[in-house]
Amino acid sequence: MFSDVKTILGKRRLRRENVQKENKNVYIFCTATPKQEPLEGKFLLKPARELSSKPPKDWDDNDLMPIVKLLAGRPYIDGRGDQF
């Protein structure tokens, strides 16, 4: 039981060491316009289905941009009622 925990923690430590160091010369900022209304969850179904049909290594910008555009500036996703 405890050997499994040590194995998991060891992997986390290795992963942390492989993370790139912070680059102070790169400036990233968000250009999304804040929207007050939540995103209706039903709008994510089609793009999410398309993404799930491919392995992540095969995703490109054309696959990801529909979801990025839908989520940009949204405070949360509404998954209540007929929204899912």
PDB file of N, CA and C in Angstrom:
ATOM      1  N   MET A   1       0.818  -1.189   0.000  1.00  0.00           N
ATOM      2  CA  MET A   1       0.000   0.000   0.000  1.00  0.00           C
ATOM      3  C   MET A   1       0.867   1.260   0.000  1.00  0.00           C
ATOM      4  N   PHE A   2       1.830   1.348   0.934  1.00  0.00           N
ATOM      5  CA  PHE A   2       2.652   2.546   1.010  1.00  0.00           C
ATOM      6  C   PHE A   2       3.656   2.622  -0.128  1.00  0.00           C
ATOM      7  N   SER A   3       4.032   1.477  -0.677  1.00  0.00           N
ATOM      8  CA  SER A   3       4.968   1.512  -1.798  1.00  0.00           C
ATOM      9  C   SER A   3       4.325   2.179  -3.006  1.00  0.00           C
ATOM     10  N   ASP A   4       3.006   1.991  -3.179  1.00  0.00           N
ATOM     11  CA  ASP A   4       2.303   2.658  -4.274  1.00  0.00           C
ATOM     12  C   ASP A   4       2.325   4.167  -4.096  1.00  0.00           C
ATOM     13  N   VAL A   5       2.142   4.623  -2.865  1.00  0.00           N
ATOM     14  CA  VAL A   5       2.167   6.058  -2.591  1.00  0.00           C
ATOM     15  C   VAL A   5       3.543   6.621  -2.906  1.00  0.00           C
ATOM     16  N   LYS A   6       4.599   5.918  -2.510  1.00  0.00           N
ATOM     17  CA  LYS A   6       5.956   6.376  -2.799  1.00  0.00           C
ATOM     18  C   LYS A   6       6.198   6.431  -4.300  1.00  0.00           C
ATOM     19  N   THR A   7       5.678   5.462  -5.024  1.00  0.00           N
ATOM     20  CA  THR A   7       5.837   5.445  -6.471  1.00  0.00           C
ATOM     21  C   THR A   7       5.158   6.658  -7.090  1.00  0.00           C
ATOM     22  N   ILE A   8       3.942   6.951  -6.660  1.00  0.00           N
ATOM     23  CA  ILE A   8       3.207   8.097  -7.198  1.00  0.00           C
ATOM     24  C   ILE A   8       3.929   9.392  -6.865  1.00  0.00           C
ATOM     25  N   LEU A   9       4.350   9.551  -5.614  1.00  0.00           N
ATOM     26  CA  LEU A   9       5.046  10.773  -5.224  1.00  0.00           C
ATOM     27  C   LEU A   9       6.364  10.918  -5.962  1.00  0.00           C
ATOM     28  N   GLY A  10       7.044   9.824  -6.192  1.00  0.00           N
ATOM     29  CA  GLY A  10       8.291   9.871  -6.947  1.00  0.00           C
ATOM     30  C   GLY A  10       8.064  10.354  -8.367  1.00  0.00           C
ATOM     31  N   LYS A  11       6.988   9.904  -8.991  1.00  0.00           N
ATOM     32  CA  LYS A  11       6.672  10.344 -10.350  1.00  0.00           C
ATOM     33  C   LYS A  11       6.338  11.828 -10.371  1.00  0.00           C
ATOM     34  N   ARG A  12       5.634  12.304  -9.353  1.00  0.00           N
ATOM     35  CA  ARG A  12       5.299  13.728  -9.290  1.00  0.00           C
ATOM     36  C   ARG A  12       6.561  14.562  -9.166  1.00  0.00           C
ATOM     37  N   ARG A  13       7.515  14.084  -8.395  1.00  0.00           N
ATOM     38  CA  ARG A  13       8.765  14.811  -8.211  1.00  0.00           C
ATOM     39  C   ARG A  13       9.528  14.891  -9.531  1.00  0.00           C
ATOM     40  N   LEU A  14       9.566  13.784 -10.265  1.00  0.00           N
ATOM     41  CA  LEU A  14      10.242  13.784 -11.562  1.00  0.00           C
ATOM     42  C   LEU A  14       9.556  14.732 -12.528  1.00  0.00           C
ATOM     43  N   ARG A  15       8.244  14.726 -12.541  1.00  0.00           N
ATOM     44  CA  ARG A  15       7.498  15.601 -13.433  1.00  0.00           C
ATOM     45  C   ARG A  15       7.805  17.062 -13.116  1.00  0.00           C
ATOM     46  N   ARG A  16       7.892  17.398 -11.841  1.00  0.00           N
ATOM     47  CA  ARG A  16       8.172  18.766 -11.425  1.00  0.00           C
ATOM     48  C   ARG A  16       9.553  19.199 -11.903  1.00  0.00           C
ATOM     49  N   GLU A  17      10.510  18.293 -11.903  1.00  0.00           N
ATOM     50  CA  GLU A  17      11.862  18.624 -12.345  1.00  0.00           C
ATOM     51  C   GLU A  17      11.923  18.858 -13.847  1.00  0.00           C
ATOM     52  N   ASN A  18      11.001  18.234 -14.601  1.00  0.00           N
ATOM     53  CA  ASN A  18      11.005  18.374 -16.051  1.00  0.00           C
ATOM     54  C   ASN A  18      10.288  19.632 -16.539  1.00  0.00           C
ATOM     55  N   VAL A  19       9.639  20.363 -15.649  1.00  0.00           N
ATOM     56  CA  VAL A  19       8.922  21.574 -16.044  1.00  0.00           C
ATOM     57  C   VAL A  19       9.931  22.651 -16.399  1.00  0.00           C
ATOM     58  N   GLN A  20       9.630  23.397 -17.460  1.00  0.00           N
ATOM     59  CA  GLN A  20      10.542  24.453 -17.884  1.00  0.00           C
ATOM     60  C   GLN A  20      10.611  25.551 -16.840  1.00  0.00           C
ATOM     61  N   LYS A  21      11.758  26.191 -16.788  1.00  0.00           N
ATOM     62  CA  LYS A  21      11.937  27.327 -15.897  1.00  0.00           C
ATOM     63  C   LYS A  21      11.178  28.524 -16.455  1.00  0.00           C
ATOM     64  N   GLU A  22      10.758  29.399 -15.572  1.00  0.00           N
ATOM     65  CA  GLU A  22      10.021  30.586 -15.982  1.00  0.00           C
ATOM     66  C   GLU A  22      10.897  31.462 -16.874  1.00  0.00           C
ATOM     67  N   ASN A  23      10.327  31.963 -17.958  1.00  0.00           N
ATOM     68  CA  ASN A  23      11.044  32.835 -18.874  1.00  0.00           C
ATOM     69  C   ASN A  23      10.532  34.252 -18.669  1.00  0.00           C
ATOM     70  N   LYS A  24      11.370  35.116 -18.136  1.00  0.00           N
ATOM     71  CA  LYS A  24      10.961  36.485 -17.817  1.00  0.00           C
ATOM     72  C   LYS A  24      10.789  37.344 -19.064  1.00  0.00           C
ATOM     73  N   ASN A  25      11.247  36.873 -20.223  1.00  0.00           N
ATOM     74  CA  ASN A  25      11.153  37.651 -21.452  1.00  0.00           C
ATOM     75  C   ASN A  25       9.859  37.400 -22.214  1.00  0.00           C
ATOM     76  N   VAL A  26       9.017  36.506 -21.731  1.00  0.00           N
ATOM     77  CA  VAL A  26       7.766  36.187 -22.408  1.00  0.00           C
ATOM     78  C   VAL A  26       6.616  36.809 -21.625  1.00  0.00           C
ATOM     79  N   TYR A  27       5.820  37.596 -22.326  1.00  0.00           N
ATOM     80  CA  TYR A  27       4.672  38.241 -21.700  1.00  0.00           C
ATOM     81  C   TYR A  27       3.403  37.672 -22.311  1.00  0.00           C
ATOM     82  N   ILE A  28       2.566  37.081 -21.486  1.00  0.00           N
ATOM     83  CA  ILE A  28       1.316  36.491 -21.941  1.00  0.00           C
ATOM     84  C   ILE A  28       0.179  37.237 -21.259  1.00  0.00           C
ATOM     85  N   PHE A  29      -0.790  37.648 -22.049  1.00  0.00           N
ATOM     86  CA  PHE A  29      -1.938  38.324 -21.478  1.00  0.00           C
ATOM     87  C   PHE A  29      -3.198  37.849 -22.187  1.00  0.00           C
ATOM     88  N   CYS A  30      -4.306  37.991 -21.522  1.00  0.00           N
ATOM     89  CA  CYS A  30      -5.588  37.531 -22.058  1.00  0.00           C
ATOM     90  C   CYS A  30      -6.271  38.683 -22.778  1.00  0.00           C
ATOM     91  N   THR A  31      -6.743  38.420 -23.991  1.00  0.00           N
ATOM     92  CA  THR A  31      -7.441  39.448 -24.760  1.00  0.00           C
ATOM     93  C   THR A  31      -8.943  39.189 -24.820  1.00  0.00           C
ATOM     94  N   ALA A  32      -9.425  38.204 -24.088  1.00  0.00           N
ATOM     95  CA  ALA A  32     -10.852  37.866 -24.118  1.00  0.00           C
ATOM     96  C   ALA A  32     -11.667  38.954 -23.430  1.00  0.00           C
ATOM     97  N   THR A  33     -12.782  39.295 -24.025  1.00  0.00           N
ATOM     98  CA  THR A  33     -13.702  40.253 -23.430  1.00  0.00           C
ATOM     99  C   THR A  33     -14.546  39.523 -22.388  1.00  0.00           C
ATOM    100  N   PRO A  34     -14.546  40.012 -21.143  1.00  0.00           N
ATOM    101  CA  PRO A  34     -15.345  39.336 -20.109  1.00  0.00           C
ATOM    102  C   PRO A  34     -16.836  39.359 -20.458  1.00  0.00           C
ATOM    103  N   LYS A  35     -17.484  38.241 -20.268  1.00  0.00           N
ATOM    104  CA  LYS A  35     -18.922  38.124 -20.511  1.00  0.00           C
ATOM    105  C   LYS A  35     -19.586  37.781 -19.185  1.00  0.00           C
ATOM    106  N   GLN A  36     -20.694  38.410 -18.900  1.00  0.00           N
ATOM    107  CA  GLN A  36     -21.377  38.190 -17.623  1.00  0.00           C
ATOM    108  C   GLN A  36     -22.172  36.892 -17.598  1.00  0.00           C
ATOM    109  N   GLU A  37     -22.687  36.479 -18.756  1.00  0.00           N
ATOM    110  CA  GLU A  37     -23.533  35.286 -18.794  1.00  0.00           C
ATOM    111  C   GLU A  37     -22.679  34.028 -18.914  1.00  0.00           C
ATOM    112  N   PRO A  38     -23.132  32.942 -18.326  1.00  0.00           N
ATOM    113  CA  PRO A  38     -22.383  31.685 -18.431  1.00  0.00           C
ATOM    114  C   PRO A  38     -22.549  31.066 -19.815  1.00  0.00           C
ATOM    115  N   LEU A  39     -21.652  30.179 -20.141  1.00  0.00           N
ATOM    116  CA  LEU A  39     -21.753  29.434 -21.388  1.00  0.00           C
ATOM    117  C   LEU A  39     -22.744  28.294 -21.188  1.00  0.00           C
ATOM    118  N   GLU A  40     -23.681  28.156 -22.100  1.00  0.00           N
ATOM    119  CA  GLU A  40     -24.623  27.041 -22.023  1.00  0.00           C
ATOM    120  C   GLU A  40     -23.883  25.772 -22.412  1.00  0.00           C
ATOM    121  N   GLY A  41     -23.917  24.786 -21.538  1.00  0.00           N
ATOM    122  CA  GLY A  41     -23.165  23.553 -21.730  1.00  0.00           C
ATOM    123  C   GLY A  41     -23.454  22.836 -23.031  1.00  0.00           C
ATOM    124  N   LYS A  42     -24.670  22.980 -23.545  1.00  0.00           N
ATOM    125  CA  LYS A  42     -25.039  22.268 -24.773  1.00  0.00           C
ATOM    126  C   LYS A  42     -24.208  22.712 -25.972  1.00  0.00           C
ATOM    127  N   PHE A  43     -23.630  23.930 -25.926  1.00  0.00           N
ATOM    128  CA  PHE A  43     -22.811  24.404 -27.039  1.00  0.00           C
ATOM    129  C   PHE A  43     -21.444  23.727 -27.092  1.00  0.00           C
ATOM    130  N   LEU A  44     -21.045  23.096 -26.006  1.00  0.00           N
ATOM    131  CA  LEU A  44     -19.753  22.400 -25.971  1.00  0.00           C
ATOM    132  C   LEU A  44     -19.830  20.970 -26.489  1.00  0.00           C
ATOM    133  N   LEU A  45     -21.028  20.441 -26.646  1.00  0.00           N
ATOM    134  CA  LEU A  45     -21.167  19.028 -27.002  1.00  0.00           C
ATOM    135  C   LEU A  45     -20.505  18.678 -28.334  1.00  0.00           C
ATOM    136  N   LYS A  46     -20.810  19.413 -29.389  1.00  0.00           N
ATOM    137  CA  LYS A  46     -20.268  19.074 -30.710  1.00  0.00           C
ATOM    138  C   LYS A  46     -18.741  19.210 -30.749  1.00  0.00           C
ATOM    139  N   PRO A  47     -18.163  20.356 -30.321  1.00  0.00           N
ATOM    140  CA  PRO A  47     -16.697  20.445 -30.351  1.00  0.00           C
ATOM    141  C   PRO A  47     -16.013  19.415 -29.449  1.00  0.00           C
ATOM    142  N   ALA A  48     -16.626  19.105 -28.311  1.00  0.00           N
ATOM    143  CA  ALA A  48     -16.029  18.113 -27.408  1.00  0.00           C
ATOM    144  C   ALA A  48     -16.072  16.723 -28.024  1.00  0.00           C
ATOM    145  N   ARG A  49     -17.146  16.406 -28.730  1.00  0.00           N
ATOM    146  CA  ARG A  49     -17.234  15.108 -29.420  1.00  0.00           C
ATOM    147  C   ARG A  49     -16.153  14.989 -30.488  1.00  0.00           C
ATOM    148  N   GLU A  50     -15.953  16.074 -31.242  1.00  0.00           N
ATOM    149  CA  GLU A  50     -14.930  16.052 -32.290  1.00  0.00           C
ATOM    150  C   GLU A  50     -13.542  15.852 -31.694  1.00  0.00           C
ATOM    151  N   LEU A  51     -13.266  16.520 -30.572  1.00  0.00           N
ATOM    152  CA  LEU A  51     -11.966  16.347 -29.915  1.00  0.00           C
ATOM    153  C   LEU A  51     -11.799  14.936 -29.385  1.00  0.00           C
ATOM    154  N   SER A  52     -12.838  14.387 -28.805  1.00  0.00           N
ATOM    155  CA  SER A  52     -12.717  13.059 -28.206  1.00  0.00           C
ATOM    156  C   SER A  52     -12.581  11.956 -29.253  1.00  0.00           C
ATOM    157  N   SER A  53     -12.871  12.270 -30.507  1.00  0.00           N
ATOM    158  CA  SER A  53     -12.730  11.257 -31.558  1.00  0.00           C
ATOM    159  C   SER A  53     -11.283  11.092 -32.013  1.00  0.00           C
ATOM    160  N   LYS A  54     -10.394  12.002 -31.580  1.00  0.00           N
ATOM    161  CA  LYS A  54      -8.977  11.939 -31.956  1.00  0.00           C
ATOM    162  C   LYS A  54      -8.117  11.827 -30.702  1.00  0.00           C
ATOM    163  N   PRO A  55      -6.951  11.215 -30.822  1.00  0.00           N
ATOM    164  CA  PRO A  55      -6.026  11.254 -29.686  1.00  0.00           C
ATOM    165  C   PRO A  55      -5.439  12.666 -29.559  1.00  0.00           C
ATOM    166  N   PRO A  56      -5.119  13.115 -28.348  1.00  0.00           N
ATOM    167  CA  PRO A  56      -4.613  14.476 -28.146  1.00  0.00           C
ATOM    168  C   PRO A  56      -3.401  14.834 -29.002  1.00  0.00           C
ATOM    169  N   LYS A  57      -2.560  13.875 -29.319  1.00  0.00           N
ATOM    170  CA  LYS A  57      -1.373  14.191 -30.124  1.00  0.00           C
ATOM    171  C   LYS A  57      -1.742  14.627 -31.539  1.00  0.00           C
ATOM    172  N   ASP A  58      -2.961  14.292 -31.994  1.00  0.00           N
ATOM    173  CA  ASP A  58      -3.406  14.658 -33.337  1.00  0.00           C
ATOM    174  C   ASP A  58      -4.229  15.942 -33.370  1.00  0.00           C
ATOM    175  N   TRP A  59      -4.467  16.572 -32.222  1.00  0.00           N
ATOM    176  CA  TRP A  59      -5.233  17.810 -32.192  1.00  0.00           C
ATOM    177  C   TRP A  59      -4.421  18.927 -32.818  1.00  0.00           C
ATOM    178  N   ASP A  60      -5.095  19.812 -33.527  1.00  0.00           N
ATOM    179  CA  ASP A  60      -4.438  21.008 -34.043  1.00  0.00           C
ATOM    180  C   ASP A  60      -5.309  22.221 -33.698  1.00  0.00           C
ATOM    181  N   ASP A  61      -4.891  23.398 -34.150  1.00  0.00           N
ATOM    182  CA  ASP A  61      -5.633  24.617 -33.815  1.00  0.00           C
ATOM    183  C   ASP A  61      -7.077  24.570 -34.303  1.00  0.00           C
ATOM    184  N   ASN A  62      -7.310  23.971 -35.453  1.00  0.00           N
ATOM    185  CA  ASN A  62      -8.675  23.894 -35.978  1.00  0.00           C
ATOM    186  C   ASN A  62      -9.582  23.058 -35.084  1.00  0.00           C
ATOM    187  N   ASP A  63      -9.020  22.114 -34.367  1.00  0.00           N
ATOM    188  CA  ASP A  63      -9.803  21.294 -33.441  1.00  0.00           C
ATOM    189  C   ASP A  63     -10.071  22.031 -32.132  1.00  0.00           C
ATOM    190  N   LEU A  64      -9.095  22.803 -31.666  1.00  0.00           N
ATOM    191  CA  LEU A  64      -9.183  23.438 -30.355  1.00  0.00           C
ATOM    192  C   LEU A  64      -9.871  24.800 -30.359  1.00  0.00           C
ATOM    193  N   MET A  65      -9.751  25.556 -31.450  1.00  0.00           N
ATOM    194  CA  MET A  65     -10.266  26.923 -31.460  1.00  0.00           C
ATOM    195  C   MET A  65     -11.769  27.043 -31.218  1.00  0.00           C
ATOM    196  N   PRO A  66     -12.612  26.130 -31.709  1.00  0.00           N
ATOM    197  CA  PRO A  66     -14.037  26.277 -31.385  1.00  0.00           C
ATOM    198  C   PRO A  66     -14.308  26.273 -29.876  1.00  0.00           C
ATOM    199  N   ILE A  67     -13.617  25.424 -29.146  1.00  0.00           N
ATOM    200  CA  ILE A  67     -13.807  25.374 -27.691  1.00  0.00           C
ATOM    201  C   ILE A  67     -13.195  26.602 -27.030  1.00  0.00           C
ATOM    202  N   VAL A  68     -12.025  27.011 -27.496  1.00  0.00           N
ATOM    203  CA  VAL A  68     -11.371  28.197 -26.938  1.00  0.00           C
ATOM    204  C   VAL A  68     -12.266  29.418 -27.115  1.00  0.00           C
ATOM    205  N   LYS A  69     -12.838  29.579 -28.303  1.00  0.00           N
ATOM    206  CA  LYS A  69     -13.709  30.735 -28.561  1.00  0.00           C
ATOM    207  C   LYS A  69     -14.975  30.689 -27.713  1.00  0.00           C
ATOM    208  N   LEU A  70     -15.516  29.507 -27.509  1.00  0.00           N
ATOM    209  CA  LEU A  70     -16.712  29.388 -26.671  1.00  0.00           C
ATOM    210  C   LEU A  70     -16.420  29.736 -25.214  1.00  0.00           C
ATOM    211  N   LEU A  71     -15.268  29.320 -24.708  1.00  0.00           N
ATOM    212  CA  LEU A  71     -14.940  29.510 -23.292  1.00  0.00           C
ATOM    213  C   LEU A  71     -14.363  30.885 -22.979  1.00  0.00           C
ATOM    214  N   ALA A  72     -13.865  31.586 -23.976  1.00  0.00           N
ATOM    215  CA  ALA A  72     -13.172  32.861 -23.751  1.00  0.00           C
ATOM    216  C   ALA A  72     -14.072  33.859 -23.022  1.00  0.00           C
ATOM    217  N   GLY A  73     -13.598  34.325 -21.875  1.00  0.00           N
ATOM    218  CA  GLY A  73     -14.282  35.353 -21.112  1.00  0.00           C
ATOM    219  C   GLY A  73     -15.481  34.899 -20.303  1.00  0.00           C
ATOM    220  N   ARG A  74     -15.790  33.621 -20.319  1.00  0.00           N
ATOM    221  CA  ARG A  74     -16.967  33.124 -19.593  1.00  0.00           C
ATOM    222  C   ARG A  74     -16.622  32.874 -18.134  1.00  0.00           C
ATOM    223  N   PRO A  75     -17.516  33.269 -17.217  1.00  0.00           N
ATOM    224  CA  PRO A  75     -17.234  33.040 -15.803  1.00  0.00           C
ATOM    225  C   PRO A  75     -17.390  31.576 -15.399  1.00  0.00           C
ATOM    226  N   TYR A  76     -18.284  30.844 -16.079  1.00  0.00           N
ATOM    227  CA  TYR A  76     -18.483  29.426 -15.783  1.00  0.00           C
ATOM    228  C   TYR A  76     -19.352  28.805 -16.868  1.00  0.00           C
ATOM    229  N   ILE A  77     -19.515  27.493 -16.802  1.00  0.00           N
ATOM    230  CA  ILE A  77     -20.353  26.755 -17.746  1.00  0.00           C
ATOM    231  C   ILE A  77     -21.620  26.339 -17.019  1.00  0.00           C
ATOM    232  N   ASP A  78     -22.763  26.631 -17.615  1.00  0.00           N
ATOM    233  CA  ASP A  78     -24.049  26.271 -17.020  1.00  0.00           C
ATOM    234  C   ASP A  78     -24.430  24.875 -17.492  1.00  0.00           C
ATOM    235  N   GLY A  79     -24.477  23.924 -16.587  1.00  0.00           N
ATOM    236  CA  GLY A  79     -24.814  22.552 -16.939  1.00  0.00           C
ATOM    237  C   GLY A  79     -26.133  22.102 -16.344  1.00  0.00           C
ATOM    238  N   ARG A  80     -26.996  23.056 -16.012  1.00  0.00           N
ATOM    239  CA  ARG A  80     -28.281  22.715 -15.386  1.00  0.00           C
ATOM    240  C   ARG A  80     -29.375  22.544 -16.434  1.00  0.00           C
ATOM    241  N   GLY A  81     -30.374  21.775 -16.099  1.00  0.00           N
ATOM    242  CA  GLY A  81     -31.564  21.633 -16.934  1.00  0.00           C
ATOM    243  C   GLY A  81     -31.254  21.115 -18.325  1.00  0.00           C
ATOM    244  N   ASP A  82     -31.741  21.829 -19.347  1.00  0.00           N
ATOM    245  CA  ASP A  82     -31.525  21.381 -20.725  1.00  0.00           C
ATOM    246  C   ASP A  82     -30.193  21.866 -21.285  1.00  0.00           C
ATOM    247  N   GLN A  83     -29.308  22.353 -20.448  1.00  0.00           N
ATOM    248  CA  GLN A  83     -28.027  22.900 -20.895  1.00  0.00           C
ATOM    249  C   GLN A  83     -26.959  21.841 -21.130  1.00  0.00           C
ATOM    250  N   PHE A  84     -27.234  20.591 -20.763  1.00  0.00           N
ATOM    251  CA  PHE A  84     -26.190  19.577 -20.914  1.00  0.00           C
ATOM    252  C   PHE A  84     -26.547  18.579 -21.963  1.00  0.00           C
TER     253      PHE A  84
END
